[in-house]
């Protein structure tokens, strides 16, 4: 998804440059700017979601490790009496 958003952003940049260099009418410039902004928004949104998913996976892993540590501590306390 991130690659597709980056590709859309690059196409938006090229479209904007084409609209400026070819002296298109106002509609060409406005549509290229909208295309550029929408693709930039998608790019930011997907990168934010990617970071959030990574953070959630880390939180799940930490929870699992804490659970294992607690279990090992209980086992250690039980065998401490022997």
C-alpha atoms as a PDB file:
ATOM      1  CA  UNK A   1       0.000   0.000   0.000  1.00  0.00           C
ATOM      2  CA  UNK A   2       2.827   2.353   0.874  1.00  0.00           C
ATOM      3  CA  UNK A   3       4.469   1.735  -2.520  1.00  0.00           C
ATOM      4  CA  UNK A   4       1.220   2.493  -4.344  1.00  0.00           C
ATOM      5  CA  UNK A   5       0.807   5.742  -2.412  1.00  0.00           C
ATOM      6  CA  UNK A   6       4.382   6.749  -3.208  1.00  0.00           C
ATOM      7  CA  UNK A   7       3.730   5.977  -6.877  1.00  0.00           C
ATOM      8  CA  UNK A   8       0.543   8.094  -6.837  1.00  0.00           C
ATOM      9  CA  UNK A   9       2.462  10.948  -5.220  1.00  0.00           C
ATOM     10  CA  UNK A  10       5.175  10.779  -7.898  1.00  0.00           C
ATOM     11  CA  UNK A  11       2.522  10.809 -10.641  1.00  0.00           C
ATOM     12  CA  UNK A  12       0.929  13.824  -8.941  1.00  0.00           C
ATOM     13  CA  UNK A  13       4.250  15.669  -8.945  1.00  0.00           C
ATOM     14  CA  UNK A  14       4.779  14.901 -12.631  1.00  0.00           C
ATOM     15  CA  UNK A  15       1.205  15.956 -13.409  1.00  0.00           C
ATOM     16  CA  UNK A  16       1.699  19.241 -11.577  1.00  0.00           C
ATOM     17  CA  UNK A  17       4.976  19.927 -13.392  1.00  0.00           C
ATOM     18  CA  UNK A  18       3.317  19.076 -16.710  1.00  0.00           C
ATOM     19  CA  UNK A  19       0.440  21.459 -15.947  1.00  0.00           C
ATOM     20  CA  UNK A  20       2.881  24.285 -15.159  1.00  0.00           C
ATOM     21  CA  UNK A  21       5.313  23.719 -18.012  1.00  0.00           C
ATOM     22  CA  UNK A  22       2.688  23.155 -20.717  1.00  0.00           C
ATOM     23  CA  UNK A  23       0.676  26.211 -19.668  1.00  0.00           C
ATOM     24  CA  UNK A  24      -2.555  24.263 -19.274  1.00  0.00           C
ATOM     25  CA  UNK A  25      -5.698  26.038 -18.264  1.00  0.00           C
ATOM     26  CA  UNK A  26      -6.691  26.565 -14.652  1.00  0.00           C
ATOM     27  CA  UNK A  27      -8.545  23.237 -14.520  1.00  0.00           C
ATOM     28  CA  UNK A  28      -5.362  21.302 -15.345  1.00  0.00           C
ATOM     29  CA  UNK A  29      -3.429  23.000 -12.563  1.00  0.00           C
ATOM     30  CA  UNK A  30      -6.202  22.636 -10.010  1.00  0.00           C
ATOM     31  CA  UNK A  31      -6.796  18.956 -10.791  1.00  0.00           C
ATOM     32  CA  UNK A  32      -3.083  18.207 -10.590  1.00  0.00           C
ATOM     33  CA  UNK A  33      -2.860  19.982  -7.218  1.00  0.00           C
ATOM     34  CA  UNK A  34      -5.859  17.996  -5.897  1.00  0.00           C
ATOM     35  CA  UNK A  35      -4.304  14.770  -7.164  1.00  0.00           C
ATOM     36  CA  UNK A  36      -1.026  15.711  -5.488  1.00  0.00           C
ATOM     37  CA  UNK A  37      -2.678  16.557  -2.151  1.00  0.00           C
ATOM     38  CA  UNK A  38      -4.854  13.432  -2.090  1.00  0.00           C
ATOM     39  CA  UNK A  39      -1.890  11.178  -2.809  1.00  0.00           C
ATOM     40  CA  UNK A  40       0.152  12.977  -0.144  1.00  0.00           C
ATOM     41  CA  UNK A  41      -2.668  12.436   2.346  1.00  0.00           C
ATOM     42  CA  UNK A  42      -2.790   8.727   1.491  1.00  0.00           C
ATOM     43  CA  UNK A  43       0.972   8.491   1.869  1.00  0.00           C
ATOM     44  CA  UNK A  44       0.892  10.070   5.319  1.00  0.00           C
ATOM     45  CA  UNK A  45      -2.089   7.960   6.401  1.00  0.00           C
ATOM     46  CA  UNK A  46      -0.506   4.645   5.360  1.00  0.00           C
ATOM     47  CA  UNK A  47       2.808   5.486   7.013  1.00  0.00           C
ATOM     48  CA  UNK A  48       0.972   6.417  10.225  1.00  0.00           C
ATOM     49  CA  UNK A  49      -1.015   3.164  10.139  1.00  0.00           C
ATOM     50  CA  UNK A  50       2.181   1.177   9.531  1.00  0.00           C
ATOM     51  CA  UNK A  51       3.843   2.744  12.578  1.00  0.00           C
ATOM     52  CA  UNK A  52       0.724   2.148  14.669  1.00  0.00           C
ATOM     53  CA  UNK A  53       0.568  -1.529  13.670  1.00  0.00           C
ATOM     54  CA  UNK A  54       4.234  -1.953  14.546  1.00  0.00           C
ATOM     55  CA  UNK A  55       3.638  -0.349  17.943  1.00  0.00           C
ATOM     56  CA  UNK A  56       0.665  -2.642  18.596  1.00  0.00           C
ATOM     57  CA  UNK A  57       2.739  -5.718  17.754  1.00  0.00           C
ATOM     58  CA  UNK A  58       5.417  -4.542  20.188  1.00  0.00           C
ATOM     59  CA  UNK A  59       2.799  -4.027  22.903  1.00  0.00           C
ATOM     60  CA  UNK A  60       1.443  -7.555  22.355  1.00  0.00           C
ATOM     61  CA  UNK A  61       4.939  -8.990  22.528  1.00  0.00           C
ATOM     62  CA  UNK A  62       5.693  -7.073  25.742  1.00  0.00           C
ATOM     63  CA  UNK A  63       2.461  -8.338  27.312  1.00  0.00           C
ATOM     64  CA  UNK A  64       3.366 -11.899  26.371  1.00  0.00           C
ATOM     65  CA  UNK A  65       6.860 -11.550  27.815  1.00  0.00           C
ATOM     66  CA  UNK A  66       5.526 -10.039  31.042  1.00  0.00           C
ATOM     67  CA  UNK A  67       3.170 -12.978  31.355  1.00  0.00           C
ATOM     68  CA  UNK A  68       6.051 -15.427  30.912  1.00  0.00           C
ATOM     69  CA  UNK A  69       8.168 -13.593  33.496  1.00  0.00           C
ATOM     70  CA  UNK A  70       5.320 -13.677  36.032  1.00  0.00           C
ATOM     71  CA  UNK A  71       4.855 -17.392  35.424  1.00  0.00           C
ATOM     72  CA  UNK A  72       8.567 -18.043  35.914  1.00  0.00           C
ATOM     73  CA  UNK A  73       8.614 -15.980  39.119  1.00  0.00           C
ATOM     74  CA  UNK A  74       5.699 -17.988  40.530  1.00  0.00           C
ATOM     75  CA  UNK A  75       7.491 -21.227  39.679  1.00  0.00           C
ATOM     76  CA  UNK A  76      10.646 -19.952  41.313  1.00  0.00           C
ATOM     77  CA  UNK A  77       8.744 -19.012  44.474  1.00  0.00           C
ATOM     78  CA  UNK A  78       7.162 -22.446  44.627  1.00  0.00           C
ATOM     79  CA  UNK A  79      10.515 -24.236  44.342  1.00  0.00           C
ATOM     80  CA  UNK A  80      12.195 -21.872  46.769  1.00  0.00           C
ATOM     81  CA  UNK A  81      10.771 -23.816  49.701  1.00  0.00           C
ATOM     82  CA  UNK A  82      12.514 -27.042  48.666  1.00  0.00           C
END
